[in-house]
Amino acid sequence: MLTWSSTTPWLIWALLSAVFAALTALFAKLGLQGVDADLATLVRTVIILGVLSVFITVKGGWQNPFQLSARTWLFLGLSALATGASWLCYFRALQMGEASKVAPVDKLSLVLVAIFAVVFLQERPSLREWLGIAMVAGGVLVLAIKRSA
């Protein structure tokens, strides 16, 4: 049972992220008709840049990016490259496949994050958490593997 605590706000943001990610798949699938997937990714990126600029301005979050540490630049840069590669692959997959199949396979990233977090961040999911991660992996396989009939 979920109870409100000082850690619950992350859950609200994560659930909102899931809702918006679901809408992303639907809107992208509709928007990709007759458009190159890479151009569509660029258009999406430009719009995101504009929206984030307004958001940061409204909340007063601007600061001098040159004051960020080299380590921060490195990892944010690597994150940006990974995001860009993910978006390019995702849009290409959406253009070729059904959104109801592409989006769940894309969520295999949940399993990979858990594994990478153990290896690189020394996180230690509990047995219950590993069970959930295994269920996600199983769900992805059920959706991705075609049944021969």
C-alpha atoms as a PDB file:
ATOM      1  CA  MET A   1       0.000   0.000   0.000  1.00  0.00           C
ATOM      2  CA  LEU A   2       1.302   3.428  -0.896  1.00  0.00           C
ATOM      3  CA  THR A   3       1.518   5.943   1.898  1.00  0.00           C
ATOM      4  CA  TRP A   4       2.500   9.581   1.689  1.00  0.00           C
ATOM      5  CA  SER A   5       5.989  10.295   3.009  1.00  0.00           C
ATOM      6  CA  SER A   6       8.882  12.599   2.312  1.00  0.00           C
ATOM      7  CA  THR A   7       9.971  10.244  -0.496  1.00  0.00           C
ATOM      8  CA  THR A   8       6.603  10.099  -2.256  1.00  0.00           C
ATOM      9  CA  PRO A   9       7.046  13.207  -4.452  1.00  0.00           C
ATOM     10  CA  TRP A  10       9.513  11.281  -6.631  1.00  0.00           C
ATOM     11  CA  LEU A  11       6.762   8.734  -7.253  1.00  0.00           C
ATOM     12  CA  ILE A  12       4.320  11.405  -8.408  1.00  0.00           C
ATOM     13  CA  TRP A  13       6.913  12.792 -10.844  1.00  0.00           C
ATOM     14  CA  ALA A  14       7.745   9.264 -12.045  1.00  0.00           C
ATOM     15  CA  LEU A  15       4.059   8.499 -12.674  1.00  0.00           C
ATOM     16  CA  LEU A  16       3.668  11.770 -14.573  1.00  0.00           C
ATOM     17  CA  SER A  17       6.751  10.809 -16.580  1.00  0.00           C
ATOM     18  CA  ALA A  18       5.085   7.509 -17.487  1.00  0.00           C
ATOM     19  CA  VAL A  19       1.891   9.284 -18.586  1.00  0.00           C
ATOM     20  CA  PHE A  20       3.835  11.711 -20.765  1.00  0.00           C
ATOM     21  CA  ALA A  21       6.001   8.897 -22.171  1.00  0.00           C
ATOM     22  CA  ALA A  22       2.815   7.062 -23.180  1.00  0.00           C
ATOM     23  CA  LEU A  23       1.495  10.201 -24.865  1.00  0.00           C
ATOM     24  CA  THR A  24       4.875  10.598 -26.574  1.00  0.00           C
ATOM     25  CA  ALA A  25       4.478   7.234 -28.278  1.00  0.00           C
ATOM     26  CA  LEU A  26       0.948   7.967 -29.445  1.00  0.00           C
ATOM     27  CA  PHE A  27       1.613  11.506 -30.666  1.00  0.00           C
ATOM     28  CA  ALA A  28       4.901  10.505 -32.328  1.00  0.00           C
ATOM     29  CA  LYS A  29       3.268   7.597 -34.174  1.00  0.00           C
ATOM     30  CA  LEU A  30       0.631   9.975 -35.530  1.00  0.00           C
ATOM     31  CA  GLY A  31       3.200  12.661 -36.358  1.00  0.00           C
ATOM     32  CA  LEU A  32       5.589  10.329 -38.162  1.00  0.00           C
ATOM     33  CA  GLN A  33       3.254   9.632 -41.063  1.00  0.00           C
ATOM     34  CA  GLY A  34       5.019  10.764 -44.230  1.00  0.00           C
ATOM     35  CA  VAL A  35       7.980  12.319 -42.366  1.00  0.00           C
ATOM     36  CA  ASP A  36      11.593  11.163 -42.073  1.00  0.00           C
ATOM     37  CA  ALA A  37      12.095   9.829 -38.526  1.00  0.00           C
ATOM     38  CA  ASP A  38      15.355  11.774 -38.063  1.00  0.00           C
ATOM     39  CA  LEU A  39      13.734  15.065 -39.141  1.00  0.00           C
ATOM     40  CA  ALA A  40      10.846  14.348 -36.774  1.00  0.00           C
ATOM     41  CA  THR A  41      13.357  13.837 -33.948  1.00  0.00           C
ATOM     42  CA  LEU A  42      14.983  17.190 -34.748  1.00  0.00           C
ATOM     43  CA  VAL A  43      11.620  18.999 -34.749  1.00  0.00           C
ATOM     44  CA  ARG A  44      10.736  17.394 -31.425  1.00  0.00           C
ATOM     45  CA  THR A  45      14.115  18.392 -29.975  1.00  0.00           C
ATOM     46  CA  VAL A  46      13.754  22.034 -31.048  1.00  0.00           C
ATOM     47  CA  ILE A  47      10.308  22.199 -29.459  1.00  0.00           C
ATOM     48  CA  ILE A  48      11.644  20.654 -26.240  1.00  0.00           C
ATOM     49  CA  LEU A  49      14.458  23.226 -26.195  1.00  0.00           C
ATOM     50  CA  GLY A  50      11.940  26.060 -26.451  1.00  0.00           C
ATOM     51  CA  VAL A  51       9.608  24.663 -23.799  1.00  0.00           C
ATOM     52  CA  LEU A  52      12.455  24.017 -21.355  1.00  0.00           C
ATOM     53  CA  SER A  53      13.842  27.528 -21.907  1.00  0.00           C
ATOM     54  CA  VAL A  54      10.476  29.038 -20.988  1.00  0.00           C
ATOM     55  CA  PHE A  55      10.113  26.685 -18.012  1.00  0.00           C
ATOM     56  CA  ILE A  56      13.566  27.521 -16.623  1.00  0.00           C
ATOM     57  CA  THR A  57      12.937  31.242 -17.127  1.00  0.00           C
ATOM     58  CA  VAL A  58       9.563  31.139 -15.355  1.00  0.00           C
ATOM     59  CA  LYS A  59      10.901  29.226 -12.362  1.00  0.00           C
ATOM     60  CA  GLY A  60      14.073  31.335 -12.197  1.00  0.00           C
ATOM     61  CA  GLY A  61      16.416  28.397 -12.666  1.00  0.00           C
ATOM     62  CA  TRP A  62      18.978  29.971 -15.009  1.00  0.00           C
ATOM     63  CA  GLN A  63      22.598  29.831 -13.909  1.00  0.00           C
ATOM     64  CA  ASN A  64      25.933  30.106 -15.673  1.00  0.00           C
ATOM     65  CA  PRO A  65      26.561  26.690 -17.244  1.00  0.00           C
ATOM     66  CA  PHE A  66      30.293  27.393 -17.360  1.00  0.00           C
ATOM     67  CA  GLN A  67      30.326  27.208 -13.571  1.00  0.00           C
ATOM     68  CA  LEU A  68      29.354  23.533 -13.686  1.00  0.00           C
ATOM     69  CA  SER A  69      32.121  21.061 -12.918  1.00  0.00           C
ATOM     70  CA  ALA A  70      33.898  19.138 -15.666  1.00  0.00           C
ATOM     71  CA  ARG A  71      32.422  15.930 -14.229  1.00  0.00           C
ATOM     72  CA  THR A  72      28.904  17.359 -14.511  1.00  0.00           C
ATOM     73  CA  TRP A  73      29.559  18.409 -18.128  1.00  0.00           C
ATOM     74  CA  LEU A  74      30.940  14.950 -18.934  1.00  0.00           C
ATOM     75  CA  PHE A  75      28.004  13.010 -17.560  1.00  0.00           C
ATOM     76  CA  LEU A  76      25.331  15.413 -18.814  1.00  0.00           C
ATOM     77  CA  GLY A  77      27.023  15.293 -22.223  1.00  0.00           C
ATOM     78  CA  LEU A  78      27.036  11.499 -22.215  1.00  0.00           C
ATOM     79  CA  SER A  79      23.400  11.530 -21.080  1.00  0.00           C
ATOM     80  CA  ALA A  80      22.512  13.881 -23.954  1.00  0.00           C
ATOM     81  CA  LEU A  81      24.246  11.625 -26.482  1.00  0.00           C
ATOM     82  CA  ALA A  82      22.460   8.564 -25.091  1.00  0.00           C
ATOM     83  CA  THR A  83      19.120  10.404 -25.151  1.00  0.00           C
ATOM     84  CA  GLY A  84      19.638  11.491 -28.741  1.00  0.00           C
ATOM     85  CA  ALA A  85      20.557   7.979 -29.823  1.00  0.00           C
ATOM     86  CA  SER A  86      17.547   6.593 -27.952  1.00  0.00           C
ATOM     87  CA  TRP A  87      15.177   9.082 -29.597  1.00  0.00           C
ATOM     88  CA  LEU A  88      16.547   8.372 -33.072  1.00  0.00           C
ATOM     89  CA  CYS A  89      16.131   4.635 -32.561  1.00  0.00           C
ATOM     90  CA  TYR A  90      12.704   5.032 -30.927  1.00  0.00           C
ATOM     91  CA  PHE A  91      11.285   7.182 -33.722  1.00  0.00           C
ATOM     92  CA  ARG A  92      12.682   4.818 -36.353  1.00  0.00           C
ATOM     93  CA  ALA A  93      11.088   1.853 -34.542  1.00  0.00           C
ATOM     94  CA  LEU A  94       7.770   3.720 -34.216  1.00  0.00           C
ATOM     95  CA  GLN A  95       7.807   4.499 -37.915  1.00  0.00           C
ATOM     96  CA  MET A  96       8.241   0.798 -38.750  1.00  0.00           C
ATOM     97  CA  GLY A  97       6.247  -0.887 -35.996  1.00  0.00           C
ATOM     98  CA  GLU A  98       3.104  -0.627 -33.931  1.00  0.00           C
ATOM     99  CA  ALA A  99       3.242   1.806 -30.992  1.00  0.00           C
ATOM    100  CA  SER A 100       1.653  -0.821 -28.730  1.00  0.00           C
ATOM    101  CA  LYS A 101       4.656  -3.088 -29.378  1.00  0.00           C
ATOM    102  CA  VAL A 102       7.483  -0.564 -29.767  1.00  0.00           C
ATOM    103  CA  ALA A 103       6.827   1.328 -26.522  1.00  0.00           C
ATOM    104  CA  PRO A 104       6.852  -1.750 -24.256  1.00  0.00           C
ATOM    105  CA  VAL A 105      10.069  -3.062 -25.835  1.00  0.00           C
ATOM    106  CA  ASP A 106      11.596   0.388 -25.315  1.00  0.00           C
ATOM    107  CA  LYS A 107      10.777  -0.060 -21.629  1.00  0.00           C
ATOM    108  CA  LEU A 108      13.259  -2.907 -21.507  1.00  0.00           C
ATOM    109  CA  SER A 109      15.411   0.038 -20.460  1.00  0.00           C
ATOM    110  CA  LEU A 110      13.924  -0.499 -16.972  1.00  0.00           C
ATOM    111  CA  VAL A 111      15.654  -3.846 -16.746  1.00  0.00           C
ATOM    112  CA  LEU A 112      18.899  -2.449 -18.129  1.00  0.00           C
ATOM    113  CA  VAL A 113      18.840   0.481 -15.684  1.00  0.00           C
ATOM    114  CA  ALA A 114      18.538  -1.964 -12.780  1.00  0.00           C
ATOM    115  CA  ILE A 115      21.470  -4.028 -14.043  1.00  0.00           C
ATOM    116  CA  PHE A 116      23.612  -0.951 -14.796  1.00  0.00           C
ATOM    117  CA  ALA A 117      22.746   0.540 -11.380  1.00  0.00           C
ATOM    118  CA  VAL A 118      24.033  -2.606  -9.690  1.00  0.00           C
ATOM    119  CA  VAL A 119      27.227  -2.680 -11.748  1.00  0.00           C
ATOM    120  CA  PHE A 120      28.088   1.029 -11.883  1.00  0.00           C
ATOM    121  CA  LEU A 121      26.289   2.648  -8.936  1.00  0.00           C
ATOM    122  CA  GLN A 122      26.560  -0.242  -6.452  1.00  0.00           C
ATOM    123  CA  GLU A 123      22.806  -0.199  -5.864  1.00  0.00           C
ATOM    124  CA  ARG A 124      21.345  -3.358  -4.376  1.00  0.00           C
ATOM    125  CA  PRO A 125      17.706  -4.042  -5.320  1.00  0.00           C
ATOM    126  CA  SER A 126      15.845  -6.331  -2.936  1.00  0.00           C
ATOM    127  CA  LEU A 127      14.536  -9.751  -3.942  1.00  0.00           C
ATOM    128  CA  ARG A 128      11.054  -8.229  -4.306  1.00  0.00           C
ATOM    129  CA  GLU A 129      12.441  -5.525  -6.605  1.00  0.00           C
ATOM    130  CA  TRP A 130      14.301  -8.111  -8.726  1.00  0.00           C
ATOM    131  CA  LEU A 131      11.036 -10.030  -9.035  1.00  0.00           C
ATOM    132  CA  GLY A 132       9.337  -6.916 -10.418  1.00  0.00           C
ATOM    133  CA  ILE A 133      12.239  -6.297 -12.795  1.00  0.00           C
ATOM    134  CA  ALA A 134      12.022  -9.915 -14.014  1.00  0.00           C
ATOM    135  CA  MET A 135       8.285  -9.489 -14.571  1.00  0.00           C
ATOM    136  CA  VAL A 136       8.941  -6.420 -16.721  1.00  0.00           C
ATOM    137  CA  ALA A 137      11.485  -8.406 -18.743  1.00  0.00           C
ATOM    138  CA  GLY A 138       8.983 -11.241 -19.136  1.00  0.00           C
ATOM    139  CA  GLY A 139       6.298  -8.825 -20.266  1.00  0.00           C
ATOM    140  CA  VAL A 140       8.600  -7.370 -22.884  1.00  0.00           C
ATOM    141  CA  LEU A 141       9.343 -10.858 -24.206  1.00  0.00           C
ATOM    142  CA  VAL A 142       5.642 -11.741 -24.357  1.00  0.00           C
ATOM    143  CA  LEU A 143       4.951  -8.599 -26.385  1.00  0.00           C
ATOM    144  CA  ALA A 144       8.013  -8.783 -28.621  1.00  0.00           C
ATOM    145  CA  ILE A 145       8.151 -12.450 -29.619  1.00  0.00           C
ATOM    146  CA  LYS A 146       5.701 -13.449 -32.326  1.00  0.00           C
ATOM    147  CA  ARG A 147       3.706 -16.577 -31.817  1.00  0.00           C
ATOM    148  CA  SER A 148       3.935 -19.070 -34.662  1.00  0.00           C
ATOM    149  CA  ALA A 149       0.465 -20.205 -35.547  1.00  0.00           C
END
